[in-house]
Protein backbone atom coordinates (compact mmCIF):
# COMPACT_ATOMS: atom_id res chain seq x y z
CA MET A 1 -59.62 -109.92 22.74
CA ALA A 2 -58.18 -107.18 20.34
CA GLU A 3 -54.45 -106.28 20.90
CA ASN A 4 -53.93 -102.28 21.59
CA LYS A 5 -51.26 -101.39 19.12
CA GLU A 6 -50.64 -98.31 21.40
CA ASN A 7 -48.65 -100.77 24.03
CA ALA A 8 -47.60 -103.32 21.43
CA GLN A 9 -44.00 -103.88 21.50
CA PRO A 10 -42.02 -104.12 18.19
CA GLY A 11 -41.00 -107.94 17.61
CA GLY A 12 -43.71 -109.46 19.27
CA GLY A 13 -42.26 -109.33 22.85
CA ALA A 14 -38.69 -108.04 22.33
CA VAL A 15 -36.52 -106.99 25.08
CA ARG A 16 -36.43 -103.05 25.90
CA TYR A 17 -33.03 -102.55 27.00
CA GLU A 18 -32.31 -99.07 28.21
CA ILE A 19 -28.64 -97.33 29.35
CA ARG A 20 -29.12 -94.88 32.15
CA LYS A 21 -27.02 -92.69 33.99
CA GLY A 22 -28.70 -90.78 37.09
CA GLY A 23 -31.92 -91.85 36.12
CA VAL A 24 -31.96 -90.21 32.74
CA VAL A 25 -32.11 -92.69 29.84
CA CYS A 26 -29.55 -91.98 27.67
CA CYS A 27 -30.27 -94.69 25.04
CA ALA A 28 -33.23 -97.36 24.50
CA SER A 29 -33.09 -99.80 21.58
CA TYR A 30 -34.47 -103.15 20.98
CA LEU A 31 -31.03 -104.33 19.92
CA PRO A 32 -29.52 -106.44 22.37
CA LEU A 33 -27.29 -104.62 24.98
CA CYS A 34 -28.35 -101.35 22.84
CA GLY A 35 -26.12 -102.71 20.14
CA TYR A 36 -22.82 -102.04 22.05
CA ASP A 37 -20.13 -105.05 22.61
CA LEU A 38 -19.83 -106.43 26.13
CA LEU A 39 -16.52 -104.53 26.63
CA THR A 40 -18.03 -101.29 25.84
CA ILE A 41 -21.02 -102.06 28.23
CA LYS A 42 -18.57 -102.92 30.92
CA LYS A 43 -16.87 -99.35 30.38
CA MET A 44 -19.63 -97.70 30.38
CA GLN A 45 -20.71 -99.15 33.76
CA GLU A 46 -17.25 -98.34 35.01
CA ALA A 47 -18.07 -94.75 33.93
CA GLY A 48 -21.57 -94.58 36.01
CA TYR A 49 -24.05 -95.91 33.34
CA GLU A 50 -26.18 -98.11 34.20
CA LEU A 51 -27.99 -101.30 31.76
CA TYR A 52 -31.99 -101.99 32.38
CA ALA A 53 -33.58 -104.92 30.54
CA ASP A 54 -37.70 -104.30 30.44
CA GLY A 55 -36.95 -101.91 33.18
CA LYS A 56 -35.20 -104.31 35.55
CA LYS A 57 -31.12 -103.32 36.16
CA VAL A 58 -29.22 -105.82 34.46
CA ARG A 59 -26.12 -106.70 36.87
CA ARG A 60 -22.76 -107.42 35.95
């Protein structure tokens, strides 16, 4: 069966990361952790932002 290009993910199955606050997507990327380092992600979580990977919340 042919693959639907509209639903195909770049990189052939790469994880889509999102940073959300209040249900609003502030950043989305296929780069691990949206390109941020772990210290920055931790500080963002302290400020109320949440990290998601393929739609599932990433725990600390």
